[in-house]
Amino acid sequence: MTQDEQLIDYLNHEEGLYDALLRDLSLSKEKRVSVKRAFIGSFLFGGRYSSSKFKINQEVSEINWLQVMSKFKKVIEFKEQVEKYKTMPTPYGIEHD
């Protein structure tokens, strides 16, 4: 589905919104991971996810998906920069610590 290691790690960790929602479905841990991967992965490259249980039928273009993924990666890099250097750049070139 993707070669982005940060996205793969995100899909595999258990602290996200999807995990909170999936806990309510009373599925085993293995099935929760599979459902999350299928749900998120279904939007790759204009994918389609349709389920009578989840009532979802959504299409996302490849361009939109790539834009979202680039934002995801930038947010992760920004968070790492803030944690590592304890500074946050602003649009005007002024840094806050």
Foldseek 3Di string as FASTA:
>chain_A
DDPDPVVVVVLPDQDDPLNVVVVVVVDDPVVSSVVSCCVVVQAAQQGFDDDPVVRDTDTDHNVRVVVVVVVVVVVVVQVVCCVPVVWHADPVRDIDD
